[in-house]
Amino acid sequence: MTHFVISLPGTFKQEVTEAAEAQLLSALQGYDQQEVGADPQDLDMLTLNYGGPTFTLRLEVTAEDSRGAEREALARASRALAAAGFDGDAALLGQPVITSIDSVADQD
């Protein structure tokens, strides 16, 4: 298995309140297998562009290959956005980008 850090750009189509931002961060941390983000210095999971409606999510996932990692990151991001109240087209996600790879030997 391999650990990947995936960056997902996106655009909010509704207002992002402080409460919604907190809910989103909480939902993202709930999906974080390695608890990355428990310490904000570990991984900045959410970057908001306050001059506009764009954002970037960064998630750590473990997968067999890059395609699997991208699919997992998109699924996690979608679930977290829905849990924070951003349903349907309220938050649009762009193409995932792999920003880090760390190969780990299988442990049996």
PDB file of N, CA and C in Angstrom:
ATOM      1  N   MET A   1       0.846  -1.183   0.000  1.00  0.00           N
ATOM      2  CA  MET A   1       0.000   0.000   0.000  1.00  0.00           C
ATOM      3  C   MET A   1       0.891   1.246   0.000  1.00  0.00           C
ATOM      4  N   THR A   2       0.312   2.316  -0.493  1.00  0.00           N
ATOM      5  CA  THR A   2       1.041   3.567  -0.601  1.00  0.00           C
ATOM      6  C   THR A   2       0.215   4.682   0.020  1.00  0.00           C
ATOM      7  N   HIS A   3       0.885   5.588   0.731  1.00  0.00           N
ATOM      8  CA  HIS A   3       0.223   6.765   1.295  1.00  0.00           C
ATOM      9  C   HIS A   3       0.353   7.904   0.285  1.00  0.00           C
ATOM     10  N   PHE A   4      -0.759   8.566   0.027  1.00  0.00           N
ATOM     11  CA  PHE A   4      -0.800   9.694  -0.898  1.00  0.00           C
ATOM     12  C   PHE A   4      -1.376  10.907  -0.175  1.00  0.00           C
ATOM     13  N   VAL A   5      -0.881  12.082  -0.506  1.00  0.00           N
ATOM     14  CA  VAL A   5      -1.561  13.317  -0.132  1.00  0.00           C
ATOM     15  C   VAL A   5      -2.153  13.859  -1.420  1.00  0.00           C
ATOM     16  N   ILE A   6      -3.465  14.036  -1.399  1.00  0.00           N
ATOM     17  CA  ILE A   6      -4.214  14.487  -2.572  1.00  0.00           C
ATOM     18  C   ILE A   6      -4.739  15.895  -2.311  1.00  0.00           C
ATOM     19  N   SER A   7      -4.528  16.792  -3.252  1.00  0.00           N
ATOM     20  CA  SER A   7      -5.102  18.136  -3.183  1.00  0.00           C
ATOM     21  C   SER A   7      -6.291  18.197  -4.124  1.00  0.00           C
ATOM     22  N   LEU A   8      -7.391  18.713  -3.606  1.00  0.00           N
ATOM     23  CA  LEU A   8      -8.627  18.841  -4.379  1.00  0.00           C
ATOM     24  C   LEU A   8      -9.050  20.303  -4.413  1.00  0.00           C
ATOM     25  N   PRO A   9      -8.980  20.941  -5.570  1.00  0.00           N
ATOM     26  CA  PRO A   9      -9.483  22.313  -5.674  1.00  0.00           C
ATOM     27  C   PRO A   9     -11.003  22.294  -5.761  1.00  0.00           C
ATOM     28  N   GLY A  10     -11.619  23.373  -5.357  1.00  0.00           N
ATOM     29  CA  GLY A  10     -13.069  23.431  -5.443  1.00  0.00           C
ATOM     30  C   GLY A  10     -13.586  24.861  -5.390  1.00  0.00           C
ATOM     31  N   THR A  11     -14.897  24.947  -5.592  1.00  0.00           N
ATOM     32  CA  THR A  11     -15.583  26.239  -5.561  1.00  0.00           C
ATOM     33  C   THR A  11     -16.863  26.089  -4.755  1.00  0.00           C
ATOM     34  N   PHE A  12     -17.028  26.955  -3.776  1.00  0.00           N
ATOM     35  CA  PHE A  12     -18.279  26.990  -3.025  1.00  0.00           C
ATOM     36  C   PHE A  12     -19.294  27.820  -3.789  1.00  0.00           C
ATOM     37  N   LYS A  13     -20.514  27.312  -3.876  1.00  0.00           N
ATOM     38  CA  LYS A  13     -21.605  28.032  -4.539  1.00  0.00           C
ATOM     39  C   LYS A  13     -22.589  28.607  -3.531  1.00  0.00           C
ATOM     40  N   GLN A  14     -22.292  28.452  -2.248  1.00  0.00           N
ATOM     41  CA  GLN A  14     -23.099  29.065  -1.200  1.00  0.00           C
ATOM     42  C   GLN A  14     -22.145  29.645  -0.164  1.00  0.00           C
ATOM     43  N   GLU A  15     -22.669  30.500   0.682  1.00  0.00           N
ATOM     44  CA  GLU A  15     -21.840  31.165   1.689  1.00  0.00           C
ATOM     45  C   GLU A  15     -21.213  30.142   2.633  1.00  0.00           C
ATOM     46  N   VAL A  16     -19.959  30.383   2.996  1.00  0.00           N
ATOM     47  CA  VAL A  16     -19.249  29.522   3.939  1.00  0.00           C
ATOM     48  C   VAL A  16     -19.191  30.254   5.278  1.00  0.00           C
ATOM     49  N   THR A  17     -20.024  29.814   6.199  1.00  0.00           N
ATOM     50  CA  THR A  17     -20.021  30.414   7.532  1.00  0.00           C
ATOM     51  C   THR A  17     -18.913  29.776   8.363  1.00  0.00           C
ATOM     52  N   GLU A  18     -18.593  30.399   9.476  1.00  0.00           N
ATOM     53  CA  GLU A  18     -17.594  29.817  10.376  1.00  0.00           C
ATOM     54  C   GLU A  18     -18.058  28.453  10.874  1.00  0.00           C
ATOM     55  N   ALA A  19     -19.355  28.320  11.142  1.00  0.00           N
ATOM     56  CA  ALA A  19     -19.893  27.041  11.615  1.00  0.00           C
ATOM     57  C   ALA A  19     -19.759  25.964  10.542  1.00  0.00           C
ATOM     58  N   ALA A  20     -20.045  26.312   9.286  1.00  0.00           N
ATOM     59  CA  ALA A  20     -19.916  25.344   8.188  1.00  0.00           C
ATOM     60  C   ALA A  20     -18.457  24.945   7.993  1.00  0.00           C
ATOM     61  N   GLU A  21     -17.548  25.911   8.119  1.00  0.00           N
ATOM     62  CA  GLU A  21     -16.121  25.614   8.001  1.00  0.00           C
ATOM     63  C   GLU A  21     -15.688  24.652   9.107  1.00  0.00           C
ATOM     64  N   ALA A  22     -16.152  24.897  10.329  1.00  0.00           N
ATOM     65  CA  ALA A  22     -15.805  24.021  11.454  1.00  0.00           C
ATOM     66  C   ALA A  22     -16.371  22.619  11.244  1.00  0.00           C
ATOM     67  N   GLN A  23     -17.615  22.522  10.743  1.00  0.00           N
ATOM     68  CA  GLN A  23     -18.221  21.216  10.467  1.00  0.00           C
ATOM     69  C   GLN A  23     -17.440  20.473   9.399  1.00  0.00           C
ATOM     70  N   LEU A  24     -17.013  21.180   8.369  1.00  0.00           N
ATOM     71  CA  LEU A  24     -16.254  20.553   7.289  1.00  0.00           C
ATOM     72  C   LEU A  24     -14.927  20.017   7.812  1.00  0.00           C
ATOM     73  N   LEU A  25     -14.212  20.809   8.591  1.00  0.00           N
ATOM     74  CA  LEU A  25     -12.942  20.351   9.157  1.00  0.00           C
ATOM     75  C   LEU A  25     -13.151  19.140  10.064  1.00  0.00           C
ATOM     76  N   SER A  26     -14.195  19.160  10.850  1.00  0.00           N
ATOM     77  CA  SER A  26     -14.496  18.034  11.724  1.00  0.00           C
ATOM     78  C   SER A  26     -14.785  16.780  10.910  1.00  0.00           C
ATOM     79  N   ALA A  27     -15.567  16.921   9.845  1.00  0.00           N
ATOM     80  CA  ALA A  27     -15.886  15.772   8.989  1.00  0.00           C
ATOM     81  C   ALA A  27     -14.641  15.251   8.284  1.00  0.00           C
ATOM     82  N   LEU A  28     -13.774  16.135   7.841  1.00  0.00           N
ATOM     83  CA  LEU A  28     -12.539  15.709   7.178  1.00  0.00           C
ATOM     84  C   LEU A  28     -11.631  14.958   8.143  1.00  0.00           C
ATOM     85  N   GLN A  29     -11.525  15.429   9.363  1.00  0.00           N
ATOM     86  CA  GLN A  29     -10.690  14.744  10.339  1.00  0.00           C
ATOM     87  C   GLN A  29     -11.239  13.367  10.653  1.00  0.00           C
ATOM     88  N   GLY A  30     -12.551  13.221  10.608  1.00  0.00           N
ATOM     89  CA  GLY A  30     -13.163  11.919  10.847  1.00  0.00           C
ATOM     90  C   GLY A  30     -12.799  10.903   9.787  1.00  0.00           C
ATOM     91  N   TYR A  31     -12.444  11.351   8.577  1.00  0.00           N
ATOM     92  CA  TYR A  31     -12.073  10.450   7.494  1.00  0.00           C
ATOM     93  C   TYR A  31     -10.579  10.235   7.390  1.00  0.00           C
ATOM     94  N   ASP A  32      -9.816  10.868   8.259  1.00  0.00           N
ATOM     95  CA  ASP A  32      -8.366  10.857   8.134  1.00  0.00           C
ATOM     96  C   ASP A  32      -7.787   9.650   8.867  1.00  0.00           C
ATOM     97  N   GLN A  33      -7.382   8.611   8.127  1.00  0.00           N
ATOM     98  CA  GLN A  33      -6.904   7.359   8.712  1.00  0.00           C
ATOM     99  C   GLN A  33      -5.722   7.560   9.653  1.00  0.00           C
ATOM    100  N   GLN A  34      -4.819   8.427   9.307  1.00  0.00           N
ATOM    101  CA  GLN A  34      -3.596   8.617  10.086  1.00  0.00           C
ATOM    102  C   GLN A  34      -3.726   9.737  11.105  1.00  0.00           C
ATOM    103  N   GLU A  35      -4.943  10.288  11.248  1.00  0.00           N
ATOM    104  CA  GLU A  35      -5.196  11.409  12.136  1.00  0.00           C
ATOM    105  C   GLU A  35      -4.325  12.609  11.784  1.00  0.00           C
ATOM    106  N   VAL A  36      -3.955  12.702  10.516  1.00  0.00           N
ATOM    107  CA  VAL A  36      -3.253  13.889  10.052  1.00  0.00           C
ATOM    108  C   VAL A  36      -4.240  15.034  10.168  1.00  0.00           C
ATOM    109  N   GLY A  37      -3.792  16.130  10.668  1.00  0.00           N
ATOM    110  CA  GLY A  37      -4.670  17.265  10.864  1.00  0.00           C
ATOM    111  C   GLY A  37      -5.147  17.390  12.293  1.00  0.00           C
ATOM    112  N   ALA A  38      -4.942  16.355  13.127  1.00  0.00           N
ATOM    113  CA  ALA A  38      -5.287  16.487  14.536  1.00  0.00           C
ATOM    114  C   ALA A  38      -4.466  17.619  15.134  1.00  0.00           C
ATOM    115  N   ASP A  39      -3.236  17.752  14.657  1.00  0.00           N
ATOM    116  CA  ASP A  39      -2.383  18.898  14.987  1.00  0.00           C
ATOM    117  C   ASP A  39      -2.363  19.751  13.729  1.00  0.00           C
ATOM    118  N   PRO A  40      -2.872  20.978  13.769  1.00  0.00           N
ATOM    119  CA  PRO A  40      -2.961  21.789  12.561  1.00  0.00           C
ATOM    120  C   PRO A  40      -1.640  21.950  11.808  1.00  0.00           C
ATOM    121  N   GLN A  41      -0.512  21.736  12.489  1.00  0.00           N
ATOM    122  CA  GLN A  41       0.776  21.862  11.805  1.00  0.00           C
ATOM    123  C   GLN A  41       1.062  20.652  10.929  1.00  0.00           C
ATOM    124  N   ASP A  42       0.374  19.536  11.152  1.00  0.00           N
ATOM    125  CA  ASP A  42       0.635  18.325  10.383  1.00  0.00           C
ATOM    126  C   ASP A  42       0.245  18.474   8.917  1.00  0.00           C
ATOM    127  N   LEU A  43      -0.979  18.865   8.667  1.00  0.00           N
ATOM    128  CA  LEU A  43      -1.482  18.991   7.307  1.00  0.00           C
ATOM    129  C   LEU A  43      -2.618  19.999   7.313  1.00  0.00           C
ATOM    130  N   ASP A  44      -2.494  21.030   6.520  1.00  0.00           N
ATOM    131  CA  ASP A  44      -3.545  22.037   6.404  1.00  0.00           C
ATOM    132  C   ASP A  44      -4.597  21.471   5.467  1.00  0.00           C
ATOM    133  N   MET A  45      -5.651  20.872   6.030  1.00  0.00           N
ATOM    134  CA  MET A  45      -6.640  20.163   5.225  1.00  0.00           C
ATOM    135  C   MET A  45      -7.526  21.070   4.401  1.00  0.00           C
ATOM    136  N   LEU A  46      -7.723  22.298   4.838  1.00  0.00           N
ATOM    137  CA  LEU A  46      -8.627  23.204   4.133  1.00  0.00           C
ATOM    138  C   LEU A  46      -7.989  24.579   4.016  1.00  0.00           C
ATOM    139  N   THR A  47      -7.911  25.055   2.790  1.00  0.00           N
ATOM    140  CA  THR A  47      -7.465  26.420   2.538  1.00  0.00           C
ATOM    141  C   THR A  47      -8.599  27.138   1.823  1.00  0.00           C
ATOM    142  N   LEU A  48      -9.078  28.229   2.421  1.00  0.00           N
ATOM    143  CA  LEU A  48     -10.144  29.037   1.822  1.00  0.00           C
ATOM    144  C   LEU A  48      -9.546  30.293   1.222  1.00  0.00           C
ATOM    145  N   ASN A  49      -9.983  30.636   0.038  1.00  0.00           N
ATOM    146  CA  ASN A  49      -9.602  31.897  -0.581  1.00  0.00           C
ATOM    147  C   ASN A  49     -10.687  32.895  -0.220  1.00  0.00           C
ATOM    148  N   TYR A  50     -10.421  33.734   0.769  1.00  0.00           N
ATOM    149  CA  TYR A  50     -11.437  34.663   1.256  1.00  0.00           C
ATOM    150  C   TYR A  50     -11.730  35.792   0.279  1.00  0.00           C
ATOM    151  N   GLY A  51     -10.901  35.958  -0.743  1.00  0.00           N
ATOM    152  CA  GLY A  51     -11.183  36.951  -1.763  1.00  0.00           C
ATOM    153  C   GLY A  51     -12.164  36.431  -2.797  1.00  0.00           C
ATOM    154  N   GLY A  52     -12.510  35.153  -2.718  1.00  0.00           N
ATOM    155  CA  GLY A  52     -13.416  34.537  -3.679  1.00  0.00           C
ATOM    156  C   GLY A  52     -13.923  33.224  -3.125  1.00  0.00           C
ATOM    157  N   PRO A  53     -14.699  32.509  -3.891  1.00  0.00           N
ATOM    158  CA  PRO A  53     -15.353  31.304  -3.368  1.00  0.00           C
ATOM    159  C   PRO A  53     -14.539  30.015  -3.532  1.00  0.00           C
ATOM    160  N   THR A  54     -13.258  30.112  -3.844  1.00  0.00           N
ATOM    161  CA  THR A  54     -12.492  28.897  -4.105  1.00  0.00           C
ATOM    162  C   THR A  54     -11.825  28.366  -2.833  1.00  0.00           C
ATOM    163  N   PHE A  55     -11.520  27.057  -2.864  1.00  0.00           N
ATOM    164  CA  PHE A  55     -10.882  26.402  -1.735  1.00  0.00           C
ATOM    165  C   PHE A  55     -10.027  25.241  -2.236  1.00  0.00           C
ATOM    166  N   THR A  56      -9.182  24.729  -1.350  1.00  0.00           N
ATOM    167  CA  THR A  56      -8.404  23.520  -1.628  1.00  0.00           C
ATOM    168  C   THR A  56      -8.495  22.619  -0.411  1.00  0.00           C
ATOM    169  N   LEU A  57      -8.805  21.353  -0.653  1.00  0.00           N
ATOM    170  CA  LEU A  57      -8.785  20.330   0.390  1.00  0.00           C
ATOM    171  C   LEU A  57      -7.535  19.490   0.197  1.00  0.00           C
ATOM    172  N   ARG A  58      -6.898  19.085   1.293  1.00  0.00           N
ATOM    173  CA  ARG A  58      -5.755  18.184   1.236  1.00  0.00           C
ATOM    174  C   ARG A  58      -6.041  16.994   2.138  1.00  0.00           C
ATOM    175  N   LEU A  59      -6.038  15.804   1.551  1.00  0.00           N
ATOM    176  CA  LEU A  59      -6.358  14.595   2.290  1.00  0.00           C
ATOM    177  C   LEU A  59      -5.250  13.564   2.137  1.00  0.00           C
ATOM    178  N   GLU A  60      -4.974  12.850   3.206  1.00  0.00           N
ATOM    179  CA  GLU A  60      -4.045  11.730   3.141  1.00  0.00           C
ATOM    180  C   GLU A  60      -4.871  10.457   3.003  1.00  0.00           C
ATOM    181  N   VAL A  61      -4.556   9.666   1.985  1.00  0.00           N
ATOM    182  CA  VAL A  61      -5.248   8.402   1.769  1.00  0.00           C
ATOM    183  C   VAL A  61      -4.221   7.297   1.541  1.00  0.00           C
ATOM    184  N   THR A  62      -4.629   6.068   1.799  1.00  0.00           N
ATOM    185  CA  THR A  62      -3.799   4.903   1.528  1.00  0.00           C
ATOM    186  C   THR A  62      -4.500   4.100   0.443  1.00  0.00           C
ATOM    187  N   ALA A  63      -3.760   3.777  -0.609  1.00  0.00           N
ATOM    188  CA  ALA A  63      -4.362   3.059  -1.733  1.00  0.00           C
ATOM    189  C   ALA A  63      -3.292   2.252  -2.457  1.00  0.00           C
ATOM    190  N   GLU A  64      -3.750   1.370  -3.329  1.00  0.00           N
ATOM    191  CA  GLU A  64      -2.850   0.550  -4.135  1.00  0.00           C
ATOM    192  C   GLU A  64      -2.142   1.364  -5.209  1.00  0.00           C
ATOM    193  N   ASP A  65      -2.864   2.338  -5.788  1.00  0.00           N
ATOM    194  CA  ASP A  65      -2.288   3.117  -6.884  1.00  0.00           C
ATOM    195  C   ASP A  65      -2.873   4.527  -6.889  1.00  0.00           C
ATOM    196  N   SER A  66      -2.366   5.357  -7.786  1.00  0.00           N
ATOM    197  CA  SER A  66      -2.785   6.756  -7.815  1.00  0.00           C
ATOM    198  C   SER A  66      -4.262   6.925  -8.175  1.00  0.00           C
ATOM    199  N   ARG A  67      -4.765   6.111  -9.082  1.00  0.00           N
ATOM    200  CA  ARG A  67      -6.190   6.226  -9.436  1.00  0.00           C
ATOM    201  C   ARG A  67      -7.083   5.905  -8.250  1.00  0.00           C
ATOM    202  N   GLY A  68      -6.725   4.847  -7.517  1.00  0.00           N
ATOM    203  CA  GLY A  68      -7.481   4.495  -6.322  1.00  0.00           C
ATOM    204  C   GLY A  68      -7.423   5.597  -5.280  1.00  0.00           C
ATOM    205  N   ALA A  69      -6.260   6.220  -5.135  1.00  0.00           N
ATOM    206  CA  ALA A  69      -6.100   7.311  -4.178  1.00  0.00           C
ATOM    207  C   ALA A  69      -6.966   8.498  -4.562  1.00  0.00           C
ATOM    208  N   GLU A  70      -6.991   8.832  -5.839  1.00  0.00           N
ATOM    209  CA  GLU A  70      -7.818   9.946  -6.300  1.00  0.00           C
ATOM    210  C   GLU A  70      -9.296   9.663  -6.071  1.00  0.00           C
ATOM    211  N   ARG A  71      -9.738   8.446  -6.375  1.00  0.00           N
ATOM    212  CA  ARG A  71     -11.149   8.081  -6.157  1.00  0.00           C
ATOM    213  C   ARG A  71     -11.507   8.170  -4.672  1.00  0.00           C
ATOM    214  N   GLU A  72     -10.628   7.643  -3.816  1.00  0.00           N
ATOM    215  CA  GLU A  72     -10.881   7.667  -2.378  1.00  0.00           C
ATOM    216  C   GLU A  72     -10.939   9.107  -1.859  1.00  0.00           C
ATOM    217  N   ALA A  73     -10.026   9.946  -2.307  1.00  0.00           N
ATOM    218  CA  ALA A  73     -10.021  11.343  -1.872  1.00  0.00           C
ATOM    219  C   ALA A  73     -11.306  12.056  -2.301  1.00  0.00           C
ATOM    220  N   LEU A  74     -11.738  11.838  -3.540  1.00  0.00           N
ATOM    221  CA  LEU A  74     -12.981  12.456  -4.015  1.00  0.00           C
ATOM    222  C   LEU A  74     -14.181  11.979  -3.201  1.00  0.00           C
ATOM    223  N   ALA A  75     -14.225  10.685  -2.903  1.00  0.00           N
ATOM    224  CA  ALA A  75     -15.336  10.137  -2.124  1.00  0.00           C
ATOM    225  C   ALA A  75     -15.346  10.719  -0.714  1.00  0.00           C
ATOM    226  N   ARG A  76     -14.196  10.770  -0.072  1.00  0.00           N
ATOM    227  CA  ARG A  76     -14.112  11.327   1.280  1.00  0.00           C
ATOM    228  C   ARG A  76     -14.500  12.799   1.288  1.00  0.00           C
ATOM    229  N   ALA A  77     -13.985  13.551   0.333  1.00  0.00           N
ATOM    230  CA  ALA A  77     -14.295  14.976   0.255  1.00  0.00           C
ATOM    231  C   ALA A  77     -15.790  15.190   0.050  1.00  0.00           C
ATOM    232  N   SER A  78     -16.393  14.410  -0.823  1.00  0.00           N
ATOM    233  CA  SER A  78     -17.832  14.535  -1.079  1.00  0.00           C
ATOM    234  C   SER A  78     -18.645  14.236   0.174  1.00  0.00           C
ATOM    235  N   ARG A  79     -18.270  13.178   0.905  1.00  0.00           N
ATOM    236  CA  ARG A  79     -18.987  12.839   2.145  1.00  0.00           C
ATOM    237  C   ARG A  79     -18.819  13.942   3.190  1.00  0.00           C
ATOM    238  N   ALA A  80     -17.610  14.476   3.311  1.00  0.00           N
ATOM    239  CA  ALA A  80     -17.355  15.528   4.294  1.00  0.00           C
ATOM    240  C   ALA A  80     -18.119  16.806   3.946  1.00  0.00           C
ATOM    241  N   LEU A  81     -18.133  17.167   2.671  1.00  0.00           N
ATOM    242  CA  LEU A  81     -18.878  18.355   2.247  1.00  0.00           C
ATOM    243  C   LEU A  81     -20.367  18.180   2.521  1.00  0.00           C
ATOM    244  N   ALA A  82     -20.907  17.001   2.224  1.00  0.00           N
ATOM    245  CA  ALA A  82     -22.324  16.740   2.490  1.00  0.00           C
ATOM    246  C   ALA A  82     -22.611  16.806   3.991  1.00  0.00           C
ATOM    247  N   ALA A  83     -21.717  16.256   4.812  1.00  0.00           N
ATOM    248  CA  ALA A  83     -21.894  16.288   6.266  1.00  0.00           C
ATOM    249  C   ALA A  83     -21.873  17.715   6.808  1.00  0.00           C
ATOM    250  N   ALA A  84     -21.178  18.606   6.108  1.00  0.00           N
ATOM    251  CA  ALA A  84     -21.102  20.015   6.520  1.00  0.00           C
ATOM    252  C   ALA A  84     -22.220  20.863   5.903  1.00  0.00           C
ATOM    253  N   GLY A  85     -23.131  20.225   5.177  1.00  0.00           N
ATOM    254  CA  GLY A  85     -24.272  20.946   4.619  1.00  0.00           C
ATOM    255  C   GLY A  85     -24.087  21.449   3.200  1.00  0.00           C
ATOM    256  N   PHE A  86     -23.027  21.033   2.539  1.00  0.00           N
ATOM    257  CA  PHE A  86     -22.787  21.446   1.153  1.00  0.00           C
ATOM    258  C   PHE A  86     -23.229  20.313   0.222  1.00  0.00           C
ATOM    259  N   ASP A  87     -24.544  20.210   0.035  1.00  0.00           N
ATOM    260  CA  ASP A  87     -25.110  19.142  -0.789  1.00  0.00           C
ATOM    261  C   ASP A  87     -25.200  19.549  -2.247  1.00  0.00           C
ATOM    262  N   GLY A  88     -25.238  18.556  -3.125  1.00  0.00           N
ATOM    263  CA  GLY A  88     -25.420  18.800  -4.552  1.00  0.00           C
ATOM    264  C   GLY A  88     -24.360  19.710  -5.130  1.00  0.00           C
ATOM    265  N   ASP A  89     -24.801  20.794  -5.750  1.00  0.00           N
ATOM    266  CA  ASP A  89     -23.883  21.728  -6.401  1.00  0.00           C
ATOM    267  C   ASP A  89     -23.440  22.865  -5.485  1.00  0.00           C
ATOM    268  N   ALA A  90     -23.620  22.728  -4.175  1.00  0.00           N
ATOM    269  CA  ALA A  90     -23.237  23.793  -3.243  1.00  0.00           C
ATOM    270  C   ALA A  90     -21.725  23.941  -3.144  1.00  0.00           C
ATOM    271  N   ALA A  91     -21.000  22.861  -3.461  1.00  0.00           N
ATOM    272  CA  ALA A  91     -19.534  22.903  -3.486  1.00  0.00           C
ATOM    273  C   ALA A  91     -19.073  21.980  -4.609  1.00  0.00           C
ATOM    274  N   LEU A  92     -18.428  22.551  -5.588  1.00  0.00           N
ATOM    275  CA  LEU A  92     -17.967  21.776  -6.740  1.00  0.00           C
ATOM    276  C   LEU A  92     -16.491  21.432  -6.566  1.00  0.00           C
ATOM    277  N   LEU A  93     -16.142  20.168  -6.811  1.00  0.00           N
ATOM    278  CA  LEU A  93     -14.755  19.728  -6.706  1.00  0.00           C
ATOM    279  C   LEU A  93     -14.117  19.633  -8.083  1.00  0.00           C
ATOM    280  N   GLY A  94     -12.849  20.021  -8.144  1.00  0.00           N
ATOM    281  CA  GLY A  94     -12.086  19.937  -9.382  1.00  0.00           C
ATOM    282  C   GLY A  94     -11.308  18.630  -9.467  1.00  0.00           C
ATOM    283  N   GLN A  95     -10.364  18.595 -10.376  1.00  0.00           N
ATOM    284  CA  GLN A  95      -9.535  17.416 -10.611  1.00  0.00           C
ATOM    285  C   GLN A  95      -8.555  17.220  -9.454  1.00  0.00           C
ATOM    286  N   PRO A  96      -8.498  16.006  -8.850  1.00  0.00           N
ATOM    287  CA  PRO A  96      -7.540  15.758  -7.781  1.00  0.00           C
ATOM    288  C   PRO A  96      -6.108  15.769  -8.302  1.00  0.00           C
ATOM    289  N   VAL A  97      -5.186  16.231  -7.452  1.00  0.00           N
ATOM    290  CA  VAL A  97      -3.774  16.295  -7.795  1.00  0.00           C
ATOM    291  C   VAL A  97      -2.991  15.614  -6.679  1.00  0.00           C
ATOM    292  N   ILE A  98      -2.124  14.668  -7.043  1.00  0.00           N
ATOM    293  CA  ILE A  98      -1.274  13.999  -6.057  1.00  0.00           C
ATOM    294  C   ILE A  98      -0.113  14.932  -5.741  1.00  0.00           C
ATOM    295  N   THR A  99       0.007  15.294  -4.458  1.00  0.00           N
ATOM    296  CA  THR A  99       1.065  16.223  -4.070  1.00  0.00           C
ATOM    297  C   THR A  99       2.156  15.553  -3.243  1.00  0.00           C
ATOM    298  N   SER A 100       1.939  14.299  -2.820  1.00  0.00           N
ATOM    299  CA  SER A 100       2.959  13.577  -2.065  1.00  0.00           C
ATOM    300  C   SER A 100       2.673  12.086  -2.144  1.00  0.00           C
ATOM    301  N   ILE A 101       3.742  11.297  -2.218  1.00  0.00           N
ATOM    302  CA  ILE A 101       3.622   9.837  -2.242  1.00  0.00           C
ATOM    303  C   ILE A 101       4.666   9.275  -1.296  1.00  0.00           C
ATOM    304  N   ASP A 102       4.247   8.305  -0.466  1.00  0.00           N
ATOM    305  CA  ASP A 102       5.145   7.619   0.458  1.00  0.00           C
ATOM    306  C   ASP A 102       4.833   6.137   0.387  1.00  0.00           C
ATOM    307  N   SER A 103       5.691   5.364  -0.259  1.00  0.00           N
ATOM    308  CA  SER A 103       5.469   3.926  -0.369  1.00  0.00           C
ATOM    309  C   SER A 103       5.728   3.259   0.963  1.00  0.00           C
ATOM    310  N   VAL A 104       4.837   2.353   1.321  1.00  0.00           N
ATOM    311  CA  VAL A 104       4.961   1.612   2.569  1.00  0.00           C
ATOM    312  C   VAL A 104       4.860   0.134   2.250  1.00  0.00           C
ATOM    313  N   ALA A 105       5.786  -0.667   2.756  1.00  0.00           N
ATOM    314  CA  ALA A 105       5.755  -2.106   2.518  1.00  0.00           C
ATOM    315  C   ALA A 105       4.559  -2.707   3.251  1.00  0.00           C
ATOM    316  N   ASP A 106       3.929  -3.714   2.643  1.00  0.00           N
ATOM    317  CA  ASP A 106       2.818  -4.400   3.289  1.00  0.00           C
ATOM    318  C   ASP A 106       3.312  -5.066   4.559  1.00  0.00           C
ATOM    319  N   GLN A 107       2.521  -4.970   5.610  1.00  0.00           N
ATOM    320  CA  GLN A 107       2.869  -5.622   6.873  1.00  0.00           C
ATOM    321  C   GLN A 107       1.870  -6.719   7.130  1.00  0.00           C
ATOM    322  N   ASP A 108       2.346  -7.941   7.229  1.00  0.00           N
ATOM    323  CA  ASP A 108       1.455  -9.083   7.487  1.00  0.00           C
ATOM    324  C   ASP A 108       1.582  -9.566   8.900  1.00  0.00           C
TER     325      ASP A 108
END
